[in-house]
Amino acid sequence: MVKKNTTGCGGVIYARSETEEGLEAQLQACIKYCRKHGIGVVKIFTDLKASDTSPFNPSLVAMIQCCRINKVDVIVTKDLARITRCPCIGKAIINLLAQRSTKILPLDLEEAGCDDEMCT
């Protein structure tokens, strides 16, 4: 579990889906998790009907830029595949965000009891 960091600004949520229903379900799960664990959500980024292999989805790019400019503690997402299904792109994004000490918290790994340090 990610511990609340009082020196950062909180967390952001990222969701990507082909359907509005899927997007809404992801958002509700992430918001519920953040509330339960005291993660202050400062911004929500969504991509509807966006590519799962492109690193250039508009809200994904905006979220990465937000994390580079601001102190964001954690990105909460339903699963890592929401960010990208391409391992090379995923690793590059994780490495870029780690330079700013931003962690990615995929709920599927958290629910499985995996250590969030995997995504730093």
PDB file of N, CA and C in Angstrom:
ATOM      1  N   MET A   1       0.843  -1.179   0.000  1.00  0.00           N
ATOM      2  CA  MET A   1       0.000   0.000   0.000  1.00  0.00           C
ATOM      3  C   MET A   1       0.888   1.241   0.000  1.00  0.00           C
ATOM      4  N   VAL A   2       0.484   2.257  -0.742  1.00  0.00           N
ATOM      5  CA  VAL A   2       1.201   3.520  -0.793  1.00  0.00           C
ATOM      6  C   VAL A   2       0.837   4.328   0.444  1.00  0.00           C
ATOM      7  N   LYS A   3       1.844   4.782   1.128  1.00  0.00           N
ATOM      8  CA  LYS A   3       1.600   5.621   2.296  1.00  0.00           C
ATOM      9  C   LYS A   3       1.458   7.066   1.854  1.00  0.00           C
ATOM     10  N   LYS A   4       0.600   7.796   2.527  1.00  0.00           N
ATOM     11  CA  LYS A   4       0.371   9.196   2.197  1.00  0.00           C
ATOM     12  C   LYS A   4       1.648   9.984   2.458  1.00  0.00           C
ATOM     13  N   ASN A   5       2.071  10.756   1.500  1.00  0.00           N
ATOM     14  CA  ASN A   5       3.277  11.554   1.608  1.00  0.00           C
ATOM     15  C   ASN A   5       2.867  13.011   1.774  1.00  0.00           C
ATOM     16  N   THR A   6       3.176  13.582   2.904  1.00  0.00           N
ATOM     17  CA  THR A   6       2.751  14.954   3.166  1.00  0.00           C
ATOM     18  C   THR A   6       3.614  15.985   2.446  1.00  0.00           C
ATOM     19  N   THR A   7       4.726  15.570   1.856  1.00  0.00           N
ATOM     20  CA  THR A   7       5.573  16.532   1.151  1.00  0.00           C
ATOM     21  C   THR A   7       5.170  16.696  -0.310  1.00  0.00           C
ATOM     22  N   GLY A   8       4.391  15.765  -0.838  1.00  0.00           N
ATOM     23  CA  GLY A   8       3.964  15.840  -2.229  1.00  0.00           C
ATOM     24  C   GLY A   8       2.581  16.443  -2.339  1.00  0.00           C
ATOM     25  N   CYS A   9       2.080  16.465  -3.556  1.00  0.00           N
ATOM     26  CA  CYS A   9       0.763  17.067  -3.752  1.00  0.00           C
ATOM     27  C   CYS A   9      -0.333  16.023  -3.769  1.00  0.00           C
ATOM     28  N   GLY A  10      -0.004  14.754  -3.716  1.00  0.00           N
ATOM     29  CA  GLY A  10      -1.033  13.731  -3.730  1.00  0.00           C
ATOM     30  C   GLY A  10      -0.911  12.841  -4.943  1.00  0.00           C
ATOM     31  N   GLY A  11      -2.053  12.446  -5.456  1.00  0.00           N
ATOM     32  CA  GLY A  11      -2.041  11.511  -6.561  1.00  0.00           C
ATOM     33  C   GLY A  11      -2.898  11.958  -7.720  1.00  0.00           C
ATOM     34  N   VAL A  12      -2.678  11.285  -8.834  1.00  0.00           N
ATOM     35  CA  VAL A  12      -3.520  11.474 -10.010  1.00  0.00           C
ATOM     36  C   VAL A  12      -4.070  10.111 -10.394  1.00  0.00           C
ATOM     37  N   ILE A  13      -5.157  10.114 -11.114  1.00  0.00           N
ATOM     38  CA  ILE A  13      -5.779   8.893 -11.605  1.00  0.00           C
ATOM     39  C   ILE A  13      -5.683   8.903 -13.125  1.00  0.00           C
ATOM     40  N   TYR A  14      -5.357   7.734 -13.701  1.00  0.00           N
ATOM     41  CA  TYR A  14      -5.352   7.602 -15.152  1.00  0.00           C
ATOM     42  C   TYR A  14      -6.225   6.411 -15.538  1.00  0.00           C
ATOM     43  N   ALA A  15      -7.126   6.629 -16.484  1.00  0.00           N
ATOM     44  CA  ALA A  15      -7.985   5.565 -17.003  1.00  0.00           C
ATOM     45  C   ALA A  15      -8.040   5.669 -18.521  1.00  0.00           C
ATOM     46  N   ARG A  16      -8.061   4.499 -19.159  1.00  0.00           N
ATOM     47  CA  ARG A  16      -8.190   4.433 -20.618  1.00  0.00           C
ATOM     48  C   ARG A  16      -9.105   3.269 -20.938  1.00  0.00           C
ATOM     49  N   SER A  17     -10.087   3.510 -21.812  1.00  0.00           N
ATOM     50  CA  SER A  17     -11.020   2.449 -22.183  1.00  0.00           C
ATOM     51  C   SER A  17     -11.601   2.733 -23.557  1.00  0.00           C
ATOM     52  N   GLU A  18     -12.086   1.676 -24.167  1.00  0.00           N
ATOM     53  CA  GLU A  18     -12.782   1.790 -25.453  1.00  0.00           C
ATOM     54  C   GLU A  18     -14.209   2.286 -25.281  1.00  0.00           C
ATOM     55  N   THR A  19     -14.780   2.072 -24.082  1.00  0.00           N
ATOM     56  CA  THR A  19     -16.177   2.439 -23.861  1.00  0.00           C
ATOM     57  C   THR A  19     -16.313   3.400 -22.679  1.00  0.00           C
ATOM     58  N   GLU A  20     -17.374   4.183 -22.711  1.00  0.00           N
ATOM     59  CA  GLU A  20     -17.640   5.083 -21.591  1.00  0.00           C
ATOM     60  C   GLU A  20     -17.932   4.301 -20.316  1.00  0.00           C
ATOM     61  N   GLU A  21     -18.608   3.164 -20.455  1.00  0.00           N
ATOM     62  CA  GLU A  21     -18.919   2.336 -19.292  1.00  0.00           C
ATOM     63  C   GLU A  21     -17.649   1.802 -18.653  1.00  0.00           C
ATOM     64  N   GLY A  22     -16.723   1.349 -19.475  1.00  0.00           N
ATOM     65  CA  GLY A  22     -15.440   0.847 -18.975  1.00  0.00           C
ATOM     66  C   GLY A  22     -14.638   1.938 -18.298  1.00  0.00           C
ATOM     67  N   LEU A  23     -14.660   3.117 -18.897  1.00  0.00           N
ATOM     68  CA  LEU A  23     -13.949   4.260 -18.327  1.00  0.00           C
ATOM     69  C   LEU A  23     -14.530   4.616 -16.958  1.00  0.00           C
ATOM     70  N   GLU A  24     -15.844   4.659 -16.870  1.00  0.00           N
ATOM     71  CA  GLU A  24     -16.510   5.000 -15.610  1.00  0.00           C
ATOM     72  C   GLU A  24     -16.208   3.967 -14.527  1.00  0.00           C
ATOM     73  N   ALA A  25     -16.203   2.685 -14.890  1.00  0.00           N
ATOM     74  CA  ALA A  25     -15.907   1.629 -13.908  1.00  0.00           C
ATOM     75  C   ALA A  25     -14.476   1.760 -13.380  1.00  0.00           C
ATOM     76  N   GLN A  26     -13.531   2.049 -14.267  1.00  0.00           N
ATOM     77  CA  GLN A  26     -12.146   2.246 -13.842  1.00  0.00           C
ATOM     78  C   GLN A  26     -12.030   3.441 -12.898  1.00  0.00           C
ATOM     79  N   LEU A  27     -12.678   4.535 -13.268  1.00  0.00           N
ATOM     80  CA  LEU A  27     -12.611   5.737 -12.443  1.00  0.00           C
ATOM     81  C   LEU A  27     -13.202   5.496 -11.056  1.00  0.00           C
ATOM     82  N   GLN A  28     -14.340   4.835 -11.005  1.00  0.00           N
ATOM     83  CA  GLN A  28     -14.971   4.574  -9.709  1.00  0.00           C
ATOM     84  C   GLN A  28     -14.080   3.703  -8.829  1.00  0.00           C
ATOM     85  N   ALA A  29     -13.447   2.681  -9.402  1.00  0.00           N
ATOM     86  CA  ALA A  29     -12.555   1.813  -8.627  1.00  0.00           C
ATOM     87  C   ALA A  29     -11.357   2.594  -8.097  1.00  0.00           C
ATOM     88  N   CYS A  30     -10.780   3.447  -8.928  1.00  0.00           N
ATOM     89  CA  CYS A  30      -9.619   4.236  -8.511  1.00  0.00           C
ATOM     90  C   CYS A  30      -9.993   5.270  -7.450  1.00  0.00           C
ATOM     91  N   ILE A  31     -11.109   5.944  -7.644  1.00  0.00           N
ATOM     92  CA  ILE A  31     -11.560   6.946  -6.668  1.00  0.00           C
ATOM     93  C   ILE A  31     -11.854   6.278  -5.333  1.00  0.00           C
ATOM     94  N   LYS A  32     -12.510   5.142  -5.365  1.00  0.00           N
ATOM     95  CA  LYS A  32     -12.821   4.412  -4.133  1.00  0.00           C
ATOM     96  C   LYS A  32     -11.535   4.029  -3.397  1.00  0.00           C
ATOM     97  N   TYR A  33     -10.547   3.548  -4.139  1.00  0.00           N
ATOM     98  CA  TYR A  33      -9.268   3.170  -3.531  1.00  0.00           C
ATOM     99  C   TYR A  33      -8.595   4.384  -2.889  1.00  0.00           C
ATOM    100  N   CYS A  34      -8.554   5.481  -3.612  1.00  0.00           N
ATOM    101  CA  CYS A  34      -7.906   6.690  -3.096  1.00  0.00           C
ATOM    102  C   CYS A  34      -8.582   7.183  -1.820  1.00  0.00           C
ATOM    103  N   ARG A  35      -9.894   7.189  -1.810  1.00  0.00           N
ATOM    104  CA  ARG A  35     -10.629   7.609  -0.601  1.00  0.00           C
ATOM    105  C   ARG A  35     -10.309   6.697   0.572  1.00  0.00           C
ATOM    106  N   LYS A  36     -10.321   5.397   0.329  1.00  0.00           N
ATOM    107  CA  LYS A  36     -10.082   4.417   1.385  1.00  0.00           C
ATOM    108  C   LYS A  36      -8.687   4.556   1.981  1.00  0.00           C
ATOM    109  N   HIS A  37      -7.711   4.922   1.145  1.00  0.00           N
ATOM    110  CA  HIS A  37      -6.315   4.965   1.591  1.00  0.00           C
ATOM    111  C   HIS A  37      -5.769   6.374   1.794  1.00  0.00           C
ATOM    112  N   GLY A  38      -6.646   7.363   1.785  1.00  0.00           N
ATOM    113  CA  GLY A  38      -6.225   8.726   2.092  1.00  0.00           C
ATOM    114  C   GLY A  38      -5.327   9.375   1.060  1.00  0.00           C
ATOM    115  N   ILE A  39      -5.480   8.989  -0.176  1.00  0.00           N
ATOM    116  CA  ILE A  39      -4.701   9.601  -1.262  1.00  0.00           C
ATOM    117  C   ILE A  39      -5.516  10.760  -1.819  1.00  0.00           C
ATOM    118  N   GLY A  40      -4.989  11.951  -1.676  1.00  0.00           N
ATOM    119  CA  GLY A  40      -5.666  13.120  -2.222  1.00  0.00           C
ATOM    120  C   GLY A  40      -5.493  13.183  -3.724  1.00  0.00           C
ATOM    121  N   VAL A  41      -6.586  13.121  -4.447  1.00  0.00           N
ATOM    122  CA  VAL A  41      -6.534  13.153  -5.916  1.00  0.00           C
ATOM    123  C   VAL A  41      -6.556  14.603  -6.372  1.00  0.00           C
ATOM    124  N   VAL A  42      -5.518  14.995  -7.080  1.00  0.00           N
ATOM    125  CA  VAL A  42      -5.428  16.374  -7.561  1.00  0.00           C
ATOM    126  C   VAL A  42      -5.886  16.522  -9.013  1.00  0.00           C
ATOM    127  N   LYS A  43      -5.876  15.405  -9.755  1.00  0.00           N
ATOM    128  CA  LYS A  43      -6.306  15.489 -11.157  1.00  0.00           C
ATOM    129  C   LYS A  43      -6.631  14.088 -11.659  1.00  0.00           C
ATOM    130  N   ILE A  44      -7.600  14.024 -12.570  1.00  0.00           N
ATOM    131  CA  ILE A  44      -7.986  12.767 -13.207  1.00  0.00           C
ATOM    132  C   ILE A  44      -7.765  12.914 -14.705  1.00  0.00           C
ATOM    133  N   PHE A  45      -7.073  11.933 -15.279  1.00  0.00           N
ATOM    134  CA  PHE A  45      -6.793  11.922 -16.716  1.00  0.00           C
ATOM    135  C   PHE A  45      -7.490  10.720 -17.338  1.00  0.00           C
ATOM    136  N   THR A  46      -8.175  10.937 -18.453  1.00  0.00           N
ATOM    137  CA  THR A  46      -8.861   9.845 -19.137  1.00  0.00           C
ATOM    138  C   THR A  46      -8.633   9.911 -20.641  1.00  0.00           C
ATOM    139  N   ASP A  47      -8.513   8.737 -21.226  1.00  0.00           N
ATOM    140  CA  ASP A  47      -8.458   8.606 -22.679  1.00  0.00           C
ATOM    141  C   ASP A  47      -9.534   7.620 -23.086  1.00  0.00           C
ATOM    142  N   LEU A  48     -10.477   8.081 -23.888  1.00  0.00           N
ATOM    143  CA  LEU A  48     -11.565   7.244 -24.381  1.00  0.00           C
ATOM    144  C   LEU A  48     -11.273   6.867 -25.829  1.00  0.00           C
ATOM    145  N   LYS A  49     -11.375   5.574 -26.123  1.00  0.00           N
ATOM    146  CA  LYS A  49     -11.142   5.044 -27.470  1.00  0.00           C
ATOM    147  C   LYS A  49      -9.749   5.376 -27.987  1.00  0.00           C
ATOM    148  N   ALA A  50      -8.774   5.321 -27.071  1.00  0.00           N
ATOM    149  CA  ALA A  50      -7.391   5.619 -27.433  1.00  0.00           C
ATOM    150  C   ALA A  50      -6.613   4.318 -27.604  1.00  0.00           C
ATOM    151  N   SER A  51      -5.524   4.380 -28.329  1.00  0.00           N
ATOM    152  CA  SER A  51      -4.688   3.217 -28.591  1.00  0.00           C
ATOM    153  C   SER A  51      -4.050   2.706 -27.307  1.00  0.00           C
ATOM    154  N   ASP A  52      -3.931   1.368 -27.218  1.00  0.00           N
ATOM    155  CA  ASP A  52      -3.292   0.788 -26.042  1.00  0.00           C
ATOM    156  C   ASP A  52      -1.784   0.609 -26.226  1.00  0.00           C
ATOM    157  N   THR A  53      -1.263   0.935 -27.399  1.00  0.00           N
ATOM    158  CA  THR A  53       0.178   0.803 -27.618  1.00  0.00           C
ATOM    159  C   THR A  53       0.856   2.135 -27.928  1.00  0.00           C
ATOM    160  N   SER A  54       0.095   3.178 -28.090  1.00  0.00           N
ATOM    161  CA  SER A  54       0.685   4.473 -28.417  1.00  0.00           C
ATOM    162  C   SER A  54       1.107   5.225 -27.156  1.00  0.00           C
ATOM    163  N   PRO A  55       2.318   5.774 -27.158  1.00  0.00           N
ATOM    164  CA  PRO A  55       2.727   6.609 -26.032  1.00  0.00           C
ATOM    165  C   PRO A  55       2.208   8.040 -26.175  1.00  0.00           C
ATOM    166  N   PHE A  56       1.389   8.287 -27.201  1.00  0.00           N
ATOM    167  CA  PHE A  56       0.966   9.645 -27.501  1.00  0.00           C
ATOM    168  C   PHE A  56      -0.525   9.897 -27.292  1.00  0.00           C
ATOM    169  N   ASN A  57      -1.188   9.062 -26.499  1.00  0.00           N
ATOM    170  CA  ASN A  57      -2.580   9.347 -26.165  1.00  0.00           C
ATOM    171  C   ASN A  57      -2.626  10.680 -25.427  1.00  0.00           C
ATOM    172  N   PRO A  58      -3.550  11.561 -25.784  1.00  0.00           N
ATOM    173  CA  PRO A  58      -3.531  12.933 -25.266  1.00  0.00           C
ATOM    174  C   PRO A  58      -3.476  13.054 -23.741  1.00  0.00           C
ATOM    175  N   SER A  59      -4.316  12.326 -23.046  1.00  0.00           N
ATOM    176  CA  SER A  59      -4.321  12.462 -21.594  1.00  0.00           C
ATOM    177  C   SER A  59      -3.131  11.768 -20.946  1.00  0.00           C
ATOM    178  N   LEU A  60      -2.613  10.715 -21.565  1.00  0.00           N
ATOM    179  CA  LEU A  60      -1.409  10.075 -21.050  1.00  0.00           C
ATOM    180  C   LEU A  60      -0.229  11.041 -21.114  1.00  0.00           C
ATOM    181  N   VAL A  61      -0.096  11.701 -22.244  1.00  0.00           N
ATOM    182  CA  VAL A  61       0.974  12.699 -22.397  1.00  0.00           C
ATOM    183  C   VAL A  61       0.782  13.833 -21.385  1.00  0.00           C
ATOM    184  N   ALA A  62      -0.452  14.307 -21.223  1.00  0.00           N
ATOM    185  CA  ALA A  62      -0.732  15.382 -20.258  1.00  0.00           C
ATOM    186  C   ALA A  62      -0.421  14.938 -18.834  1.00  0.00           C
ATOM    187  N   MET A  63      -0.737  13.687 -18.499  1.00  0.00           N
ATOM    188  CA  MET A  63      -0.460  13.183 -17.159  1.00  0.00           C
ATOM    189  C   MET A  63       1.043  13.112 -16.900  1.00  0.00           C
ATOM    190  N   ILE A  64       1.793  12.604 -17.855  1.00  0.00           N
ATOM    191  CA  ILE A  64       3.248  12.526 -17.697  1.00  0.00           C
ATOM    192  C   ILE A  64       3.824  13.926 -17.540  1.00  0.00           C
ATOM    193  N   GLN A  65       3.341  14.864 -18.341  1.00  0.00           N
ATOM    194  CA  GLN A  65       3.804  16.251 -18.234  1.00  0.00           C
ATOM    195  C   GLN A  65       3.464  16.834 -16.862  1.00  0.00           C
ATOM    196  N   CYS A  66       2.269  16.557 -16.368  1.00  0.00           N
ATOM    197  CA  CYS A  66       1.855  17.020 -15.045  1.00  0.00           C
ATOM    198  C   CYS A  66       2.802  16.481 -13.975  1.00  0.00           C
ATOM    199  N   CYS A  67       3.142  15.210 -14.083  1.00  0.00           N
ATOM    200  CA  CYS A  67       4.043  14.588 -13.102  1.00  0.00           C
ATOM    201  C   CYS A  67       5.452  15.155 -13.192  1.00  0.00           C
ATOM    202  N   ARG A  68       5.873  15.540 -14.380  1.00  0.00           N
ATOM    203  CA  ARG A  68       7.211  16.114 -14.546  1.00  0.00           C
ATOM    204  C   ARG A  68       7.280  17.523 -13.977  1.00  0.00           C
ATOM    205  N   ILE A  69       6.197  18.276 -14.072  1.00  0.00           N
ATOM    206  CA  ILE A  69       6.182  19.666 -13.611  1.00  0.00           C
ATOM    207  C   ILE A  69       5.873  19.767 -12.126  1.00  0.00           C
ATOM    208  N   ASN A  70       4.944  18.954 -11.655  1.00  0.00           N
ATOM    209  CA  ASN A  70       4.465  19.025 -10.273  1.00  0.00           C
ATOM    210  C   ASN A  70       4.998  17.841  -9.472  1.00  0.00           C
ATOM    211  N   LYS A  71       4.893  17.941  -8.161  1.00  0.00           N
ATOM    212  CA  LYS A  71       5.257  16.823  -7.297  1.00  0.00           C
ATOM    213  C   LYS A  71       4.030  15.940  -7.125  1.00  0.00           C
ATOM    214  N   VAL A  72       3.978  14.876  -7.889  1.00  0.00           N
ATOM    215  CA  VAL A  72       2.891  13.907  -7.799  1.00  0.00           C
ATOM    216  C   VAL A  72       3.457  12.659  -7.140  1.00  0.00           C
ATOM    217  N   ASP A  73       2.833  12.226  -6.051  1.00  0.00           N
ATOM    218  CA  ASP A  73       3.324  11.061  -5.328  1.00  0.00           C
ATOM    219  C   ASP A  73       3.030   9.756  -6.053  1.00  0.00           C
ATOM    220  N   VAL A  74       1.802   9.639  -6.567  1.00  0.00           N
ATOM    221  CA  VAL A  74       1.379   8.355  -7.107  1.00  0.00           C
ATOM    222  C   VAL A  74       0.369   8.532  -8.237  1.00  0.00           C
ATOM    223  N   ILE A  75       0.457   7.626  -9.208  1.00  0.00           N
ATOM    224  CA  ILE A  75      -0.542   7.514 -10.267  1.00  0.00           C
ATOM    225  C   ILE A  75      -1.332   6.248  -9.964  1.00  0.00           C
ATOM    226  N   VAL A  76      -2.623   6.396  -9.773  1.00  0.00           N
ATOM    227  CA  VAL A  76      -3.491   5.249  -9.514  1.00  0.00           C
ATOM    228  C   VAL A  76      -4.198   4.903 -10.814  1.00  0.00           C
ATOM    229  N   THR A  77      -4.123   3.623 -11.191  1.00  0.00           N
ATOM    230  CA  THR A  77      -4.746   3.154 -12.415  1.00  0.00           C
ATOM    231  C   THR A  77      -5.287   1.742 -12.185  1.00  0.00           C
ATOM    232  N   LYS A  78      -6.252   1.330 -12.951  1.00  0.00           N
ATOM    233  CA  LYS A  78      -6.867   0.012 -12.763  1.00  0.00           C
ATOM    234  C   LYS A  78      -5.843  -1.098 -12.933  1.00  0.00           C
ATOM    235  N   ASP A  79      -5.023  -1.003 -13.973  1.00  0.00           N
ATOM    236  CA  ASP A  79      -3.939  -1.957 -14.192  1.00  0.00           C
ATOM    237  C   ASP A  79      -2.913  -1.315 -15.111  1.00  0.00           C
ATOM    238  N   LEU A  80      -1.713  -1.894 -15.157  1.00  0.00           N
ATOM    239  CA  LEU A  80      -0.645  -1.303 -15.968  1.00  0.00           C
ATOM    240  C   LEU A  80      -0.995  -1.235 -17.449  1.00  0.00           C
ATOM    241  N   ALA A  81      -1.834  -2.137 -17.911  1.00  0.00           N
ATOM    242  CA  ALA A  81      -2.227  -2.138 -19.318  1.00  0.00           C
ATOM    243  C   ALA A  81      -3.034  -0.896 -19.680  1.00  0.00           C
ATOM    244  N   ARG A  82      -3.595  -0.203 -18.703  1.00  0.00           N
ATOM    245  CA  ARG A  82      -4.304   1.044 -18.989  1.00  0.00           C
ATOM    246  C   ARG A  82      -3.320   2.095 -19.484  1.00  0.00           C
ATOM    247  N   ILE A  83      -2.109   2.080 -18.965  1.00  0.00           N
ATOM    248  CA  ILE A  83      -1.102   3.055 -19.389  1.00  0.00           C
ATOM    249  C   ILE A  83      -0.551   2.658 -20.752  1.00  0.00           C
ATOM    250  N   THR A  84      -0.154   1.407 -20.897  1.00  0.00           N
ATOM    251  CA  THR A  84       0.289   0.884 -22.189  1.00  0.00           C
ATOM    252  C   THR A  84       0.392  -0.632 -22.102  1.00  0.00           C
ATOM    253  N   ARG A  85       0.232  -1.284 -23.241  1.00  0.00           N
ATOM    254  CA  ARG A  85       0.427  -2.734 -23.295  1.00  0.00           C
ATOM    255  C   ARG A  85       1.794  -3.074 -23.881  1.00  0.00           C
ATOM    256  N   CYS A  86       2.533  -2.057 -24.265  1.00  0.00           N
ATOM    257  CA  CYS A  86       3.851  -2.259 -24.850  1.00  0.00           C
ATOM    258  C   CYS A  86       4.906  -2.217 -23.735  1.00  0.00           C
ATOM    259  N   PRO A  87       5.586  -3.333 -23.471  1.00  0.00           N
ATOM    260  CA  PRO A  87       6.557  -3.366 -22.378  1.00  0.00           C
ATOM    261  C   PRO A  87       7.655  -2.303 -22.468  1.00  0.00           C
ATOM    262  N   CYS A  88       8.141  -2.033 -23.667  1.00  0.00           N
ATOM    263  CA  CYS A  88       9.210  -1.032 -23.821  1.00  0.00           C
ATOM    264  C   CYS A  88       8.725   0.360 -23.449  1.00  0.00           C
ATOM    265  N   ILE A  89       7.543   0.714 -23.897  1.00  0.00           N
ATOM    266  CA  ILE A  89       6.973   2.021 -23.571  1.00  0.00           C
ATOM    267  C   ILE A  89       6.673   2.088 -22.072  1.00  0.00           C
ATOM    268  N   GLY A  90       6.116   1.017 -21.525  1.00  0.00           N
ATOM    269  CA  GLY A  90       5.820   0.988 -20.098  1.00  0.00           C
ATOM    270  C   GLY A  90       7.056   1.192 -19.253  1.00  0.00           C
ATOM    271  N   LYS A  91       8.122   0.511 -19.588  1.00  0.00           N
ATOM    272  CA  LYS A  91       9.373   0.649 -18.837  1.00  0.00           C
ATOM    273  C   LYS A  91       9.916   2.074 -18.941  1.00  0.00           C
ATOM    274  N   ALA A  92       9.839   2.664 -20.127  1.00  0.00           N
ATOM    275  CA  ALA A  92      10.316   4.038 -20.310  1.00  0.00           C
ATOM    276  C   ALA A  92       9.494   5.012 -19.467  1.00  0.00           C
ATOM    277  N   ILE A  93       8.175   4.818 -19.425  1.00  0.00           N
ATOM    278  CA  ILE A  93       7.314   5.702 -18.632  1.00  0.00           C
ATOM    279  C   ILE A  93       7.624   5.547 -17.148  1.00  0.00           C
ATOM    280  N   ILE A  94       7.741   4.299 -16.676  1.00  0.00           N
ATOM    281  CA  ILE A  94       8.062   4.056 -15.264  1.00  0.00           C
ATOM    282  C   ILE A  94       9.398   4.694 -14.905  1.00  0.00           C
ATOM    283  N   ASN A  95      10.414   4.537 -15.759  1.00  0.00           N
ATOM    284  CA  ASN A  95      11.724   5.131 -15.491  1.00  0.00           C
ATOM    285  C   ASN A  95      11.671   6.651 -15.468  1.00  0.00           C
ATOM    286  N   LEU A  96      10.937   7.230 -16.389  1.00  0.00           N
ATOM    287  CA  LEU A  96      10.802   8.688 -16.440  1.00  0.00           C
ATOM    288  C   LEU A  96      10.143   9.208 -15.165  1.00  0.00           C
ATOM    289  N   LEU A  97       9.071   8.550 -14.753  1.00  0.00           N
ATOM    290  CA  LEU A  97       8.358   8.988 -13.551  1.00  0.00           C
ATOM    291  C   LEU A  97       9.178   8.750 -12.289  1.00  0.00           C
ATOM    292  N   ALA A  98       9.977   7.688 -12.270  1.00  0.00           N
ATOM    293  CA  ALA A  98      10.814   7.397 -11.104  1.00  0.00           C
ATOM    294  C   ALA A  98      11.827   8.512 -10.862  1.00  0.00           C
ATOM    295  N   GLN A  99      12.242   9.194 -11.910  1.00  0.00           N
ATOM    296  CA  GLN A  99      13.167  10.330 -11.756  1.00  0.00           C
ATOM    297  C   GLN A  99      12.543  11.438 -10.915  1.00  0.00           C
ATOM    298  N   ARG A 100      11.216  11.500 -10.895  1.00  0.00           N
ATOM    299  CA  ARG A 100      10.481  12.501 -10.110  1.00  0.00           C
ATOM    300  C   ARG A 100       9.898  11.887  -8.837  1.00  0.00           C
ATOM    301  N   SER A 101      10.281  10.637  -8.534  1.00  0.00           N
ATOM    302  CA  SER A 101       9.789   9.900  -7.363  1.00  0.00           C
ATOM    303  C   SER A 101       8.281   9.681  -7.402  1.00  0.00           C
ATOM    304  N   THR A 102       7.740   9.545  -8.591  1.00  0.00           N
ATOM    305  CA  THR A 102       6.322   9.256  -8.764  1.00  0.00           C
ATOM    306  C   THR A 102       6.158   7.757  -8.973  1.00  0.00           C
ATOM    307  N   LYS A 103       5.291   7.149  -8.175  1.00  0.00           N
ATOM    308  CA  LYS A 103       5.028   5.715  -8.288  1.00  0.00           C
ATOM    309  C   LYS A 103       3.756   5.487  -9.086  1.00  0.00           C
ATOM    310  N   ILE A 104       3.705   4.352  -9.764  1.00  0.00           N
ATOM    311  CA  ILE A 104       2.482   3.921 -10.434  1.00  0.00           C
ATOM    312  C   ILE A 104       1.877   2.816  -9.577  1.00  0.00           C
ATOM    313  N   LEU A 105       0.625   2.990  -9.214  1.00  0.00           N
ATOM    314  CA  LEU A 105      -0.068   1.999  -8.395  1.00  0.00           C
ATOM    315  C   LEU A 105      -1.201   1.382  -9.205  1.00  0.00           C
ATOM    316  N   PRO A 106      -0.959   0.208  -9.808  1.00  0.00           N
ATOM    317  CA  PRO A 106      -2.035  -0.490 -10.506  1.00  0.00           C
ATOM    318  C   PRO A 106      -2.872  -1.267  -9.493  1.00  0.00           C
ATOM    319  N   LEU A 107      -4.180  -1.041  -9.491  1.00  0.00           N
ATOM    320  CA  LEU A 107      -5.045  -1.668  -8.501  1.00  0.00           C
ATOM    321  C   LEU A 107      -5.043  -3.186  -8.590  1.00  0.00           C
ATOM    322  N   ASP A 108      -4.870  -3.750  -9.787  1.00  0.00           N
ATOM    323  CA  ASP A 108      -4.874  -5.208  -9.896  1.00  0.00           C
ATOM    324  C   ASP A 108      -3.708  -5.823  -9.123  1.00  0.00           C
ATOM    325  N   LEU A 109      -2.546  -5.181  -9.136  1.00  0.00           N
ATOM    326  CA  LEU A 109      -1.402  -5.694  -8.375  1.00  0.00           C
ATOM    327  C   LEU A 109      -1.587  -5.445  -6.882  1.00  0.00           C
ATOM    328  N   GLU A 110      -2.147  -4.308  -6.532  1.00  0.00           N
ATOM    329  CA  GLU A 110      -2.405  -3.988  -5.130  1.00  0.00           C
ATOM    330  C   GLU A 110      -3.388  -4.997  -4.541  1.00  0.00           C
ATOM    331  N   GLU A 111      -4.436  -5.316  -5.270  1.00  0.00           N
ATOM    332  CA  GLU A 111      -5.433  -6.277  -4.790  1.00  0.00           C
ATOM    333  C   GLU A 111      -4.852  -7.671  -4.658  1.00  0.00           C
ATOM    334  N   ALA A 112      -3.844  -7.985  -5.488  1.00  0.00           N
ATOM    335  CA  ALA A 112      -3.192  -9.294  -5.428  1.00  0.00           C
ATOM    336  C   ALA A 112      -2.144  -9.356  -4.321  1.00  0.00           C
ATOM    337  N   GLY A 113      -1.907  -8.226  -3.646  1.00  0.00           N
ATOM    338  CA  GLY A 113      -0.957  -8.191  -2.553  1.00  0.00           C
ATOM    339  C   GLY A 113       0.482  -7.980  -2.989  1.00  0.00           C
ATOM    340  N   CYS A 114       0.701  -7.523  -4.215  1.00  0.00           N
ATOM    341  CA  CYS A 114       2.051  -7.265  -4.688  1.00  0.00           C
ATOM    342  C   CYS A 114       2.586  -5.967  -4.110  1.00  0.00           C
ATOM    343  N   ASP A 115       3.873  -5.889  -3.954  1.00  0.00           N
ATOM    344  CA  ASP A 115       4.526  -4.709  -3.402  1.00  0.00           C
ATOM    345  C   ASP A 115       4.554  -3.607  -4.444  1.00  0.00           C
ATOM    346  N   ASP A 116       4.116  -2.398  -4.066  1.00  0.00           N
ATOM    347  CA  ASP A 116       4.067  -1.294  -5.020  1.00  0.00           C
ATOM    348  C   ASP A 116       5.449  -0.841  -5.458  1.00  0.00           C
ATOM    349  N   GLU A 117       6.522  -1.282  -4.787  1.00  0.00           N
ATOM    350  CA  GLU A 117       7.863  -0.893  -5.193  1.00  0.00           C
ATOM    351  C   GLU A 117       8.187  -1.407  -6.595  1.00  0.00           C
ATOM    352  N   MET A 118       7.398  -2.355  -7.109  1.00  0.00           N
ATOM    353  CA  MET A 118       7.598  -2.870  -8.449  1.00  0.00           C
ATOM    354  C   MET A 118       7.442  -1.761  -9.487  1.00  0.00           C
ATOM    355  N   CYS A 119       6.676  -0.769  -9.165  1.00  0.00           N
ATOM    356  CA  CYS A 119       6.313   0.247 -10.155  1.00  0.00           C
ATOM    357  C   CYS A 119       6.922   1.602  -9.835  1.00  0.00           C
ATOM    358  N   THR A 120       8.121   1.580  -9.279  1.00  0.00           N
ATOM    359  CA  THR A 120       8.792   2.862  -9.005  1.00  0.00           C
ATOM    360  C   THR A 120      10.004   2.988  -9.885  1.00  0.00           C
TER     361      THR A 120
END
